[in-house]
Amino acid sequence: MKRNMDLVREILLALSKHKHGYAPSNFKVEGYTEEEVLYHCFILDEAGLIDASNTSDDNSLSPEAIPTRLTWEGHEFIENAKSEKIWQQTKDAVNKIGDVSFSVWASVLAKIVEQNLLGISS
C-alpha cells in the first residue's frame, strides 16, 4: 500500500481535534477504508507521530494499528499542516518533484508556513 499524505494529515487532524488526549473509540476517517486507516496508523506509530496499538494478526491483509494519541512530533506536524491553504501549497510544491520522503514533506511544509504566516523568505 502506498503512503497517502492526505490520509496522514486527516488522521493527525482527527486526533488533534478530539477533546481528550486519547483517540476517540471506534476511530474512522471519512472517505478511506478501514484497512487504509489502520495501515497508516501503523506507519504513523513507526514514524513517532502517534502512539498506536498494533492489532495485526495472521488474518490481516496489511499491518494494522489503532491510534491511542498524538505524540509531540505529531502535534508539531499538524500545527503546520492544519491550514487547508498551507497544505495545498505544500502539495503543489511537492508534486512538482514527485514522491519524496516524509522529512522533505515536513521541511517544505515548514518553509511554506514561514513564508505565508511569518513573512520570512529563504
PDB file of N, CA and C in Angstrom:
ATOM      1  N   MET A   1       0.848  -1.179   0.000  1.00  0.00           N
ATOM      2  CA  MET A   1       0.000   0.000   0.000  1.00  0.00           C
ATOM      3  C   MET A   1       0.891   1.239   0.000  1.00  0.00           C
ATOM      4  N   LYS A   2       0.533   2.190  -0.792  1.00  0.00           N
ATOM      5  CA  LYS A   2       1.306   3.421  -0.892  1.00  0.00           C
ATOM      6  C   LYS A   2       0.891   4.397   0.210  1.00  0.00           C
ATOM      7  N   ARG A   3       1.867   5.090   0.752  1.00  0.00           N
ATOM      8  CA  ARG A   3       1.583   6.103   1.780  1.00  0.00           C
ATOM      9  C   ARG A   3       0.809   7.250   1.139  1.00  0.00           C
ATOM     10  N   ASN A   4      -0.241   7.690   1.828  1.00  0.00           N
ATOM     11  CA  ASN A   4      -1.107   8.760   1.339  1.00  0.00           C
ATOM     12  C   ASN A   4      -1.000   9.918   2.329  1.00  0.00           C
ATOM     13  N   MET A   5      -0.341  10.995   1.909  1.00  0.00           N
ATOM     14  CA  MET A   5      -0.108  12.109   2.820  1.00  0.00           C
ATOM     15  C   MET A   5      -1.398  12.852   3.182  1.00  0.00           C
ATOM     16  N   ASP A   6      -2.402  12.826   2.311  1.00  0.00           N
ATOM     17  CA  ASP A   6      -3.685  13.426   2.683  1.00  0.00           C
ATOM     18  C   ASP A   6      -4.326  12.637   3.828  1.00  0.00           C
ATOM     19  N   LEU A   7      -4.222  11.324   3.773  1.00  0.00           N
ATOM     20  CA  LEU A   7      -4.751  10.492   4.853  1.00  0.00           C
ATOM     21  C   LEU A   7      -3.937  10.697   6.134  1.00  0.00           C
ATOM     22  N   VAL A   8      -2.629  10.805   6.011  1.00  0.00           N
ATOM     23  CA  VAL A   8      -1.780  11.101   7.173  1.00  0.00           C
ATOM     24  C   VAL A   8      -2.291  12.370   7.851  1.00  0.00           C
ATOM     25  N   ARG A   9      -2.509  13.406   7.068  1.00  0.00           N
ATOM     26  CA  ARG A   9      -2.997  14.677   7.608  1.00  0.00           C
ATOM     27  C   ARG A   9      -4.362  14.508   8.258  1.00  0.00           C
ATOM     28  N   GLU A  10      -5.264  13.788   7.598  1.00  0.00           N
ATOM     29  CA  GLU A  10      -6.616  13.595   8.144  1.00  0.00           C
ATOM     30  C   GLU A  10      -6.584  12.862   9.484  1.00  0.00           C
ATOM     31  N   ILE A  11      -5.737  11.864   9.605  1.00  0.00           N
ATOM     32  CA  ILE A  11      -5.623  11.128  10.863  1.00  0.00           C
ATOM     33  C   ILE A  11      -5.106  12.050  11.965  1.00  0.00           C
ATOM     34  N   LEU A  12      -4.055  12.798  11.666  1.00  0.00           N
ATOM     35  CA  LEU A  12      -3.489  13.703  12.665  1.00  0.00           C
ATOM     36  C   LEU A  12      -4.478  14.808  13.036  1.00  0.00           C
ATOM     37  N   LEU A  13      -5.200  15.340  12.051  1.00  0.00           N
ATOM     38  CA  LEU A  13      -6.219  16.351  12.332  1.00  0.00           C
ATOM     39  C   LEU A  13      -7.310  15.795  13.245  1.00  0.00           C
ATOM     40  N   ALA A  14      -7.791  14.606  12.930  1.00  0.00           N
ATOM     41  CA  ALA A  14      -8.855  13.993  13.735  1.00  0.00           C
ATOM     42  C   ALA A  14      -8.399  13.799  15.178  1.00  0.00           C
ATOM     43  N   LEU A  15      -7.176  13.344  15.350  1.00  0.00           N
ATOM     44  CA  LEU A  15      -6.665  13.141  16.710  1.00  0.00           C
ATOM     45  C   LEU A  15      -6.487  14.472  17.431  1.00  0.00           C
ATOM     46  N   SER A  16      -6.033  15.490  16.721  1.00  0.00           N
ATOM     47  CA  SER A  16      -5.807  16.792  17.368  1.00  0.00           C
ATOM     48  C   SER A  16      -7.119  17.480  17.730  1.00  0.00           C
ATOM     49  N   LYS A  17      -8.188  17.193  17.008  1.00  0.00           N
ATOM     50  CA  LYS A  17      -9.480  17.825  17.268  1.00  0.00           C
ATOM     51  C   LYS A  17     -10.258  17.164  18.403  1.00  0.00           C
ATOM     52  N   HIS A  18      -9.869  15.946  18.771  1.00  0.00           N
ATOM     53  CA  HIS A  18     -10.593  15.255  19.827  1.00  0.00           C
ATOM     54  C   HIS A  18     -10.348  15.962  21.153  1.00  0.00           C
ATOM     55  N   LYS A  19     -11.398  16.157  21.936  1.00  0.00           N
ATOM     56  CA  LYS A  19     -11.296  16.985  23.139  1.00  0.00           C
ATOM     57  C   LYS A  19     -10.476  16.360  24.258  1.00  0.00           C
ATOM     58  N   HIS A  20     -10.188  15.086  24.163  1.00  0.00           N
ATOM     59  CA  HIS A  20      -9.380  14.420  25.187  1.00  0.00           C
ATOM     60  C   HIS A  20      -8.026  14.069  24.588  1.00  0.00           C
ATOM     61  N   GLY A  21      -7.069  13.743  25.420  1.00  0.00           N
ATOM     62  CA  GLY A  21      -5.737  13.394  24.936  1.00  0.00           C
ATOM     63  C   GLY A  21      -5.668  12.066  24.216  1.00  0.00           C
ATOM     64  N   TYR A  22      -6.646  11.213  24.461  1.00  0.00           N
ATOM     65  CA  TYR A  22      -6.676   9.911  23.804  1.00  0.00           C
ATOM     66  C   TYR A  22      -7.551   9.952  22.558  1.00  0.00           C
ATOM     67  N   ALA A  23      -7.269   9.061  21.642  1.00  0.00           N
ATOM     68  CA  ALA A  23      -8.065   8.961  20.413  1.00  0.00           C
ATOM     69  C   ALA A  23      -9.491   8.534  20.758  1.00  0.00           C
ATOM     70  N   PRO A  24     -10.449   8.968  19.958  1.00  0.00           N
ATOM     71  CA  PRO A  24     -11.826   8.512  20.192  1.00  0.00           C
ATOM     72  C   PRO A  24     -11.935   7.014  19.920  1.00  0.00           C
ATOM     73  N   SER A  25     -12.839   6.361  20.635  1.00  0.00           N
ATOM     74  CA  SER A  25     -13.067   4.942  20.352  1.00  0.00           C
ATOM     75  C   SER A  25     -13.727   4.832  18.984  1.00  0.00           C
ATOM     76  N   ASN A  26     -13.551   3.705  18.347  1.00  0.00           N
ATOM     77  CA  ASN A  26     -14.130   3.479  17.020  1.00  0.00           C
ATOM     78  C   ASN A  26     -13.613   4.502  16.005  1.00  0.00           C
ATOM     79  N   PHE A  27     -12.306   4.722  15.995  1.00  0.00           N
ATOM     80  CA  PHE A  27     -11.660   5.728  15.152  1.00  0.00           C
ATOM     81  C   PHE A  27     -11.850   5.402  13.673  1.00  0.00           C
ATOM     82  N   LYS A  28     -12.348   6.377  12.914  1.00  0.00           N
ATOM     83  CA  LYS A  28     -12.554   6.244  11.465  1.00  0.00           C
ATOM     84  C   LYS A  28     -12.203   7.561  10.802  1.00  0.00           C
ATOM     85  N   VAL A  29     -11.903   7.493   9.506  1.00  0.00           N
ATOM     86  CA  VAL A  29     -11.684   8.694   8.708  1.00  0.00           C
ATOM     87  C   VAL A  29     -12.548   8.564   7.464  1.00  0.00           C
ATOM     88  N   GLU A  30     -13.469   9.520   7.291  1.00  0.00           N
ATOM     89  CA  GLU A  30     -14.384   9.519   6.139  1.00  0.00           C
ATOM     90  C   GLU A  30     -13.616   9.451   4.827  1.00  0.00           C
ATOM     91  N   GLY A  31     -14.125   8.628   3.910  1.00  0.00           N
ATOM     92  CA  GLY A  31     -13.560   8.559   2.573  1.00  0.00           C
ATOM     93  C   GLY A  31     -12.416   7.564   2.410  1.00  0.00           C
ATOM     94  N   TYR A  32     -12.064   6.875   3.499  1.00  0.00           N
ATOM     95  CA  TYR A  32     -10.974   5.904   3.454  1.00  0.00           C
ATOM     96  C   TYR A  32     -11.442   4.589   4.052  1.00  0.00           C
ATOM     97  N   THR A  33     -10.899   3.476   3.536  1.00  0.00           N
ATOM     98  CA  THR A  33     -11.266   2.170   4.066  1.00  0.00           C
ATOM     99  C   THR A  33     -10.620   1.956   5.428  1.00  0.00           C
ATOM    100  N   GLU A  34     -11.173   1.038   6.173  1.00  0.00           N
ATOM    101  CA  GLU A  34     -10.608   0.683   7.480  1.00  0.00           C
ATOM    102  C   GLU A  34      -9.166   0.187   7.311  1.00  0.00           C
ATOM    103  N   GLU A  35      -8.915  -0.598   6.275  1.00  0.00           N
ATOM    104  CA  GLU A  35      -7.566  -1.102   6.025  1.00  0.00           C
ATOM    105  C   GLU A  35      -6.586   0.047   5.790  1.00  0.00           C
ATOM    106  N   GLU A  36      -6.977   1.029   4.981  1.00  0.00           N
ATOM    107  CA  GLU A  36      -6.105   2.177   4.717  1.00  0.00           C
ATOM    108  C   GLU A  36      -5.797   2.949   6.007  1.00  0.00           C
ATOM    109  N   VAL A  37      -6.832   3.201   6.799  1.00  0.00           N
ATOM    110  CA  VAL A  37      -6.656   3.976   8.036  1.00  0.00           C
ATOM    111  C   VAL A  37      -5.766   3.222   9.015  1.00  0.00           C
ATOM    112  N   LEU A  38      -6.033   1.943   9.221  1.00  0.00           N
ATOM    113  CA  LEU A  38      -5.256   1.164  10.193  1.00  0.00           C
ATOM    114  C   LEU A  38      -3.801   1.000   9.742  1.00  0.00           C
ATOM    115  N   TYR A  39      -3.579   0.853   8.450  1.00  0.00           N
ATOM    116  CA  TYR A  39      -2.206   0.774   7.943  1.00  0.00           C
ATOM    117  C   TYR A  39      -1.471   2.092   8.178  1.00  0.00           C
ATOM    118  N   HIS A  40      -2.122   3.188   7.865  1.00  0.00           N
ATOM    119  CA  HIS A  40      -1.485   4.491   8.056  1.00  0.00           C
ATOM    120  C   HIS A  40      -1.248   4.783   9.538  1.00  0.00           C
ATOM    121  N   CYS A  41      -2.145   4.327  10.405  1.00  0.00           N
ATOM    122  CA  CYS A  41      -1.896   4.461  11.851  1.00  0.00           C
ATOM    123  C   CYS A  41      -0.668   3.645  12.248  1.00  0.00           C
ATOM    124  N   PHE A  42      -0.510   2.474  11.653  1.00  0.00           N
ATOM    125  CA  PHE A  42       0.662   1.633  11.926  1.00  0.00           C
ATOM    126  C   PHE A  42       1.953   2.366  11.553  1.00  0.00           C
ATOM    127  N   ILE A  43       1.995   2.962  10.353  1.00  0.00           N
ATOM    128  CA  ILE A  43       3.236   3.621   9.938  1.00  0.00           C
ATOM    129  C   ILE A  43       3.425   4.970  10.633  1.00  0.00           C
ATOM    130  N   LEU A  44       2.323   5.634  11.024  1.00  0.00           N
ATOM    131  CA  LEU A  44       2.455   6.870  11.801  1.00  0.00           C
ATOM    132  C   LEU A  44       3.045   6.575  13.176  1.00  0.00           C
ATOM    133  N   ASP A  45       2.695   5.434  13.735  1.00  0.00           N
ATOM    134  CA  ASP A  45       3.293   4.999  15.001  1.00  0.00           C
ATOM    135  C   ASP A  45       4.789   4.733  14.812  1.00  0.00           C
ATOM    136  N   GLU A  46       5.134   4.050  13.737  1.00  0.00           N
ATOM    137  CA  GLU A  46       6.555   3.804  13.434  1.00  0.00           C
ATOM    138  C   GLU A  46       7.332   5.108  13.301  1.00  0.00           C
ATOM    139  N   ALA A  47       6.702   6.119  12.708  1.00  0.00           N
ATOM    140  CA  ALA A  47       7.354   7.405  12.464  1.00  0.00           C
ATOM    141  C   ALA A  47       7.408   8.279  13.721  1.00  0.00           C
ATOM    142  N   GLY A  48       6.701   7.874  14.764  1.00  0.00           N
ATOM    143  CA  GLY A  48       6.714   8.636  16.004  1.00  0.00           C
ATOM    144  C   GLY A  48       5.735   9.797  16.039  1.00  0.00           C
ATOM    145  N   LEU A  49       4.788   9.846  15.101  1.00  0.00           N
ATOM    146  CA  LEU A  49       3.803  10.926  15.075  1.00  0.00           C
ATOM    147  C   LEU A  49       2.586  10.618  15.944  1.00  0.00           C
ATOM    148  N   ILE A  50       2.315   9.340  16.145  1.00  0.00           N
ATOM    149  CA  ILE A  50       1.242   8.922  17.055  1.00  0.00           C
ATOM    150  C   ILE A  50       1.735   7.732  17.863  1.00  0.00           C
ATOM    151  N   ASP A  51       1.045   7.483  18.960  1.00  0.00           N
ATOM    152  CA  ASP A  51       1.171   6.203  19.656  1.00  0.00           C
ATOM    153  C   ASP A  51      -0.021   5.386  19.225  1.00  0.00           C
ATOM    154  N   ALA A  52       0.212   4.108  18.958  1.00  0.00           N
ATOM    155  CA  ALA A  52      -0.860   3.239  18.491  1.00  0.00           C
ATOM    156  C   ALA A  52      -0.608   1.819  18.985  1.00  0.00           C
ATOM    157  N   SER A  53      -1.671   1.044  19.047  1.00  0.00           N
ATOM    158  CA  SER A  53      -1.582  -0.363  19.441  1.00  0.00           C
ATOM    159  C   SER A  53      -1.626  -1.233  18.199  1.00  0.00           C
ATOM    160  N   ASN A  54      -0.594  -2.044  18.009  1.00  0.00           N
ATOM    161  CA  ASN A  54      -0.531  -2.947  16.872  1.00  0.00           C
ATOM    162  C   ASN A  54      -1.629  -4.000  17.026  1.00  0.00           C
ATOM    163  N   THR A  55      -2.514  -4.076  16.041  1.00  0.00           N
ATOM    164  CA  THR A  55      -3.595  -5.062  16.069  1.00  0.00           C
ATOM    165  C   THR A  55      -3.465  -6.066  14.936  1.00  0.00           C
ATOM    166  N   SER A  56      -2.321  -6.108  14.292  1.00  0.00           N
ATOM    167  CA  SER A  56      -2.100  -7.044  13.191  1.00  0.00           C
ATOM    168  C   SER A  56      -2.173  -8.474  13.705  1.00  0.00           C
ATOM    169  N   ASP A  57      -2.739  -9.336  12.884  1.00  0.00           N
ATOM    170  CA  ASP A  57      -2.747 -10.763  13.198  1.00  0.00           C
ATOM    171  C   ASP A  57      -2.597 -11.555  11.899  1.00  0.00           C
ATOM    172  N   ASP A  58      -2.687 -12.855  11.988  1.00  0.00           N
ATOM    173  CA  ASP A  58      -2.488 -13.710  10.814  1.00  0.00           C
ATOM    174  C   ASP A  58      -3.521 -13.456   9.717  1.00  0.00           C
ATOM    175  N   ASN A  59      -4.660 -12.897  10.058  1.00  0.00           N
ATOM    176  CA  ASN A  59      -5.712 -12.644   9.075  1.00  0.00           C
ATOM    177  C   ASN A  59      -5.628 -11.239   8.470  1.00  0.00           C
ATOM    178  N   SER A  60      -4.714 -10.423   8.954  1.00  0.00           N
ATOM    179  CA  SER A  60      -4.589  -9.053   8.454  1.00  0.00           C
ATOM    180  C   SER A  60      -4.001  -9.045   7.051  1.00  0.00           C
ATOM    181  N   LEU A  61      -4.597  -8.255   6.176  1.00  0.00           N
ATOM    182  CA  LEU A  61      -4.065  -8.112   4.826  1.00  0.00           C
ATOM    183  C   LEU A  61      -2.889  -7.137   4.806  1.00  0.00           C
ATOM    184  N   SER A  62      -2.896  -6.174   5.718  1.00  0.00           N
ATOM    185  CA  SER A  62      -1.840  -5.169   5.861  1.00  0.00           C
ATOM    186  C   SER A  62      -1.534  -5.028   7.347  1.00  0.00           C
ATOM    187  N   PRO A  63      -0.366  -4.486   7.692  1.00  0.00           N
ATOM    188  CA  PRO A  63      -0.125  -4.167   9.100  1.00  0.00           C
ATOM    189  C   PRO A  63      -1.216  -3.204   9.587  1.00  0.00           C
ATOM    190  N   GLU A  64      -1.644  -3.378  10.840  1.00  0.00           N
ATOM    191  CA  GLU A  64      -2.737  -2.582  11.387  1.00  0.00           C
ATOM    192  C   GLU A  64      -2.392  -2.060  12.770  1.00  0.00           C
ATOM    193  N   ALA A  65      -2.863  -0.860  13.070  1.00  0.00           N
ATOM    194  CA  ALA A  65      -2.727  -0.328  14.421  1.00  0.00           C
ATOM    195  C   ALA A  65      -3.882   0.620  14.705  1.00  0.00           C
ATOM    196  N   ILE A  66      -4.319   0.627  15.955  1.00  0.00           N
ATOM    197  CA  ILE A  66      -5.367   1.534  16.397  1.00  0.00           C
ATOM    198  C   ILE A  66      -4.695   2.686  17.134  1.00  0.00           C
ATOM    199  N   PRO A  67      -4.991   3.932  16.729  1.00  0.00           N
ATOM    200  CA  PRO A  67      -4.323   5.072  17.366  1.00  0.00           C
ATOM    201  C   PRO A  67      -4.774   5.241  18.815  1.00  0.00           C
ATOM    202  N   THR A  68      -3.832   5.672  19.661  1.00  0.00           N
ATOM    203  CA  THR A  68      -4.188   5.983  21.039  1.00  0.00           C
ATOM    204  C   THR A  68      -4.039   7.467  21.332  1.00  0.00           C
ATOM    205  N   ARG A  69      -3.022   8.125  20.726  1.00  0.00           N
ATOM    206  CA  ARG A  69      -2.841   9.555  20.970  1.00  0.00           C
ATOM    207  C   ARG A  69      -1.813  10.126  20.006  1.00  0.00           C
ATOM    208  N   LEU A  70      -1.807  11.455  19.894  1.00  0.00           N
ATOM    209  CA  LEU A  70      -0.760  12.170  19.162  1.00  0.00           C
ATOM    210  C   LEU A  70       0.483  12.272  20.041  1.00  0.00           C
ATOM    211  N   THR A  71       1.645  12.207  19.433  1.00  0.00           N
ATOM    212  CA  THR A  71       2.889  12.477  20.150  1.00  0.00           C
ATOM    213  C   THR A  71       3.234  13.949  19.980  1.00  0.00           C
ATOM    214  N   TRP A  72       4.312  14.372  20.633  1.00  0.00           N
ATOM    215  CA  TRP A  72       4.786  15.745  20.469  1.00  0.00           C
ATOM    216  C   TRP A  72       5.056  16.026  18.990  1.00  0.00           C
ATOM    217  N   GLU A  73       5.745  15.103  18.317  1.00  0.00           N
ATOM    218  CA  GLU A  73       6.063  15.276  16.896  1.00  0.00           C
ATOM    219  C   GLU A  73       4.794  15.347  16.044  1.00  0.00           C
ATOM    220  N   GLY A  74       3.792  14.577  16.397  1.00  0.00           N
ATOM    221  CA  GLY A  74       2.524  14.640  15.677  1.00  0.00           C
ATOM    222  C   GLY A  74       1.853  15.996  15.827  1.00  0.00           C
ATOM    223  N   HIS A  75       1.894  16.528  17.055  1.00  0.00           N
ATOM    224  CA  HIS A  75       1.350  17.873  17.287  1.00  0.00           C
ATOM    225  C   HIS A  75       2.122  18.912  16.478  1.00  0.00           C
ATOM    226  N   GLU A  76       3.439  18.786  16.454  1.00  0.00           N
ATOM    227  CA  GLU A  76       4.277  19.733  15.719  1.00  0.00           C
ATOM    228  C   GLU A  76       3.910  19.736  14.232  1.00  0.00           C
ATOM    229  N   PHE A  77       3.779  18.547  13.651  1.00  0.00           N
ATOM    230  CA  PHE A  77       3.463  18.453  12.226  1.00  0.00           C
ATOM    231  C   PHE A  77       2.080  19.018  11.924  1.00  0.00           C
ATOM    232  N   ILE A  78       1.075  18.642  12.723  1.00  0.00           N
ATOM    233  CA  ILE A  78      -0.284  19.053  12.391  1.00  0.00           C
ATOM    234  C   ILE A  78      -0.507  20.539  12.647  1.00  0.00           C
ATOM    235  N   GLU A  79       0.240  21.140  13.551  1.00  0.00           N
ATOM    236  CA  GLU A  79       0.139  22.588  13.728  1.00  0.00           C
ATOM    237  C   GLU A  79       0.508  23.309  12.431  1.00  0.00           C
ATOM    238  N   ASN A  80       1.505  22.796  11.730  1.00  0.00           N
ATOM    239  CA  ASN A  80       1.886  23.382  10.439  1.00  0.00           C
ATOM    240  C   ASN A  80       0.902  23.012   9.329  1.00  0.00           C
ATOM    241  N   ALA A  81       0.320  21.832   9.405  1.00  0.00           N
ATOM    242  CA  ALA A  81      -0.486  21.306   8.296  1.00  0.00           C
ATOM    243  C   ALA A  81      -1.984  21.550   8.433  1.00  0.00           C
ATOM    244  N   LYS A  82      -2.437  22.182   9.503  1.00  0.00           N
ATOM    245  CA  LYS A  82      -3.889  22.289   9.703  1.00  0.00           C
ATOM    246  C   LYS A  82      -4.575  23.246   8.733  1.00  0.00           C
ATOM    247  N   SER A  83      -3.880  24.255   8.248  1.00  0.00           N
ATOM    248  CA  SER A  83      -4.476  25.187   7.276  1.00  0.00           C
ATOM    249  C   SER A  83      -4.596  24.521   5.911  1.00  0.00           C
ATOM    250  N   GLU A  84      -5.811  24.525   5.376  1.00  0.00           N
ATOM    251  CA  GLU A  84      -6.039  23.931   4.047  1.00  0.00           C
ATOM    252  C   GLU A  84      -5.204  24.649   2.982  1.00  0.00           C
ATOM    253  N   LYS A  85      -5.109  25.976   3.092  1.00  0.00           N
ATOM    254  CA  LYS A  85      -4.326  26.760   2.128  1.00  0.00           C
ATOM    255  C   LYS A  85      -2.852  26.359   2.175  1.00  0.00           C
ATOM    256  N   ILE A  86      -2.295  26.276   3.364  1.00  0.00           N
ATOM    257  CA  ILE A  86      -0.883  25.891   3.532  1.00  0.00           C
ATOM    258  C   ILE A  86      -0.671  24.472   3.029  1.00  0.00           C
ATOM    259  N   TRP A  87      -1.597  23.577   3.366  1.00  0.00           N
ATOM    260  CA  TRP A  87      -1.476  22.183   2.936  1.00  0.00           C
ATOM    261  C   TRP A  87      -1.493  22.078   1.410  1.00  0.00           C
ATOM    262  N   GLN A  88      -2.390  22.814   0.768  1.00  0.00           N
ATOM    263  CA  GLN A  88      -2.470  22.766  -0.694  1.00  0.00           C
ATOM    264  C   GLN A  88      -1.200  23.320  -1.326  1.00  0.00           C
ATOM    265  N   GLN A  89      -0.665  24.397  -0.783  1.00  0.00           N
ATOM    266  CA  GLN A  89       0.588  24.945  -1.303  1.00  0.00           C
ATOM    267  C   GLN A  89       1.731  23.937  -1.149  1.00  0.00           C
ATOM    268  N   THR A  90       1.741  23.238  -0.043  1.00  0.00           N
ATOM    269  CA  THR A  90       2.770  22.211   0.186  1.00  0.00           C
ATOM    270  C   THR A  90       2.623  21.083  -0.826  1.00  0.00           C
ATOM    271  N   LYS A  91       1.388  20.615  -1.025  1.00  0.00           N
ATOM    272  CA  LYS A  91       1.150  19.548  -2.002  1.00  0.00           C
ATOM    273  C   LYS A  91       1.572  19.976  -3.399  1.00  0.00           C
ATOM    274  N   ASP A  92       1.231  21.203  -3.766  1.00  0.00           N
ATOM    275  CA  ASP A  92       1.596  21.720  -5.086  1.00  0.00           C
ATOM    276  C   ASP A  92       3.112  21.738  -5.254  1.00  0.00           C
ATOM    277  N   ALA A  93       3.828  22.188  -4.233  1.00  0.00           N
ATOM    278  CA  ALA A  93       5.294  22.249  -4.297  1.00  0.00           C
ATOM    279  C   ALA A  93       5.898  20.855  -4.386  1.00  0.00           C
ATOM    280  N   VAL A  94       5.421  19.942  -3.563  1.00  0.00           N
ATOM    281  CA  VAL A  94       5.972  18.584  -3.543  1.00  0.00           C
ATOM    282  C   VAL A  94       5.626  17.836  -4.826  1.00  0.00           C
ATOM    283  N   ASN A  95       4.433  18.045  -5.357  1.00  0.00           N
ATOM    284  CA  ASN A  95       4.013  17.345  -6.582  1.00  0.00           C
ATOM    285  C   ASN A  95       4.865  17.712  -7.790  1.00  0.00           C
ATOM    286  N   LYS A  96       5.524  18.871  -7.749  1.00  0.00           N
ATOM    287  CA  LYS A  96       6.434  19.239  -8.840  1.00  0.00           C
ATOM    288  C   LYS A  96       7.641  18.308  -8.876  1.00  0.00           C
ATOM    289  N   ILE A  97       7.976  17.755  -7.723  1.00  0.00           N
ATOM    290  CA  ILE A  97       9.140  16.872  -7.605  1.00  0.00           C
ATOM    291  C   ILE A  97       8.758  15.414  -7.809  1.00  0.00           C
ATOM    292  N   GLY A  98       7.609  15.018  -7.287  1.00  0.00           N
ATOM    293  CA  GLY A  98       7.194  13.618  -7.301  1.00  0.00           C
ATOM    294  C   GLY A  98       7.243  13.073  -5.891  1.00  0.00           C
ATOM    295  N   ASP A  99       7.396  11.763  -5.765  1.00  0.00           N
ATOM    296  CA  ASP A  99       7.433  11.130  -4.449  1.00  0.00           C
ATOM    297  C   ASP A  99       8.681  11.557  -3.690  1.00  0.00           C
ATOM    298  N   VAL A 100       8.479  11.981  -2.453  1.00  0.00           N
ATOM    299  CA  VAL A 100       9.587  12.392  -1.590  1.00  0.00           C
ATOM    300  C   VAL A 100       9.370  11.814  -0.197  1.00  0.00           C
ATOM    301  N   SER A 101      10.416  11.881   0.611  1.00  0.00           N
ATOM    302  CA  SER A 101      10.347  11.355   1.971  1.00  0.00           C
ATOM    303  C   SER A 101       9.489  12.252   2.864  1.00  0.00           C
ATOM    304  N   PHE A 102       9.131  11.711   4.015  1.00  0.00           N
ATOM    305  CA  PHE A 102       8.360  12.479   4.982  1.00  0.00           C
ATOM    306  C   PHE A 102       9.153  13.686   5.465  1.00  0.00           C
ATOM    307  N   SER A 103      10.451  13.522   5.635  1.00  0.00           N
ATOM    308  CA  SER A 103      11.259  14.646   6.115  1.00  0.00           C
ATOM    309  C   SER A 103      11.246  15.798   5.110  1.00  0.00           C
ATOM    310  N   VAL A 104      11.186  15.496   3.821  1.00  0.00           N
ATOM    311  CA  VAL A 104      11.085  16.550   2.808  1.00  0.00           C
ATOM    312  C   VAL A 104       9.711  17.212   2.910  1.00  0.00           C
ATOM    313  N   TRP A 105       8.653  16.416   3.059  1.00  0.00           N
ATOM    314  CA  TRP A 105       7.308  16.976   3.236  1.00  0.00           C
ATOM    315  C   TRP A 105       7.303  17.963   4.394  1.00  0.00           C
ATOM    316  N   ALA A 106       7.832  17.513   5.546  1.00  0.00           N
ATOM    317  CA  ALA A 106       7.829  18.349   6.744  1.00  0.00           C
ATOM    318  C   ALA A 106       8.647  19.617   6.532  1.00  0.00           C
ATOM    319  N   SER A 107       9.761  19.500   5.832  1.00  0.00           N
ATOM    320  CA  SER A 107      10.621  20.647   5.572  1.00  0.00           C
ATOM    321  C   SER A 107       9.934  21.662   4.651  1.00  0.00           C
ATOM    322  N   VAL A 108       9.344  21.177   3.568  1.00  0.00           N
ATOM    323  CA  VAL A 108       8.627  22.051   2.640  1.00  0.00           C
ATOM    324  C   VAL A 108       7.460  22.717   3.362  1.00  0.00           C
ATOM    325  N   LEU A 109       6.741  21.954   4.142  1.00  0.00           N
ATOM    326  CA  LEU A 109       5.616  22.478   4.908  1.00  0.00           C
ATOM    327  C   LEU A 109       6.076  23.602   5.840  1.00  0.00           C
ATOM    328  N   ALA A 110       7.157  23.383   6.560  1.00  0.00           N
ATOM    329  CA  ALA A 110       7.675  24.403   7.482  1.00  0.00           C
ATOM    330  C   ALA A 110       8.084  25.670   6.726  1.00  0.00           C
ATOM    331  N   LYS A 111       8.729  25.505   5.569  1.00  0.00           N
ATOM    332  CA  LYS A 111       9.124  26.670   4.763  1.00  0.00           C
ATOM    333  C   LYS A 111       7.907  27.465   4.294  1.00  0.00           C
ATOM    334  N   ILE A 112       6.874  26.764   3.866  1.00  0.00           N
ATOM    335  CA  ILE A 112       5.674  27.439   3.387  1.00  0.00           C
ATOM    336  C   ILE A 112       4.972  28.158   4.540  1.00  0.00           C
ATOM    337  N   VAL A 113       4.961  27.552   5.713  1.00  0.00           N
ATOM    338  CA  VAL A 113       4.398  28.222   6.888  1.00  0.00           C
ATOM    339  C   VAL A 113       5.176  29.501   7.170  1.00  0.00           C
ATOM    340  N   GLU A 114       6.490  29.414   7.143  1.00  0.00           N
ATOM    341  CA  GLU A 114       7.323  30.593   7.386  1.00  0.00           C
ATOM    342  C   GLU A 114       7.034  31.692   6.364  1.00  0.00           C
ATOM    343  N   GLN A 115       6.947  31.317   5.106  1.00  0.00           N
ATOM    344  CA  GLN A 115       6.720  32.291   4.046  1.00  0.00           C
ATOM    345  C   GLN A 115       5.332  32.918   4.141  1.00  0.00           C
ATOM    346  N   ASN A 116       4.317  32.128   4.418  1.00  0.00           N
ATOM    347  CA  ASN A 116       2.938  32.616   4.439  1.00  0.00           C
ATOM    348  C   ASN A 116       2.555  33.332   5.724  1.00  0.00           C
ATOM    349  N   LEU A 117       2.916  32.743   6.824  1.00  0.00           N
ATOM    350  CA  LEU A 117       2.444  33.271   8.096  1.00  0.00           C
ATOM    351  C   LEU A 117       3.402  34.257   8.737  1.00  0.00           C
ATOM    352  N   LEU A 118       4.681  34.075   8.517  1.00  0.00           N
ATOM    353  CA  LEU A 118       5.657  34.900   9.188  1.00  0.00           C
ATOM    354  C   LEU A 118       6.339  35.897   8.266  1.00  0.00           C
ATOM    355  N   GLY A 119       6.110  35.756   6.963  1.00  0.00           N
ATOM    356  CA  GLY A 119       6.713  36.665   6.005  1.00  0.00           C
ATOM    357  C   GLY A 119       8.205  36.484   5.855  1.00  0.00           C
ATOM    358  N   ILE A 120       8.698  35.297   6.177  1.00  0.00           N
ATOM    359  CA  ILE A 120      10.124  35.005   6.045  1.00  0.00           C
ATOM    360  C   ILE A 120      10.364  34.349   4.691  1.00  0.00           C
ATOM    361  N   SER A 121      11.310  34.828   3.950  1.00  0.00           N
ATOM    362  CA  SER A 121      11.635  34.180   2.678  1.00  0.00           C
ATOM    363  C   SER A 121      13.056  33.638   2.754  1.00  0.00           C
ATOM    364  N   SER A 122      13.274  32.558   2.010  1.00  0.00           N
ATOM    365  CA  SER A 122      14.600  31.925   2.067  1.00  0.00           C
ATOM    366  C   SER A 122      15.535  32.447   1.012  1.00  0.00           C
TER     367      SER A 122
END
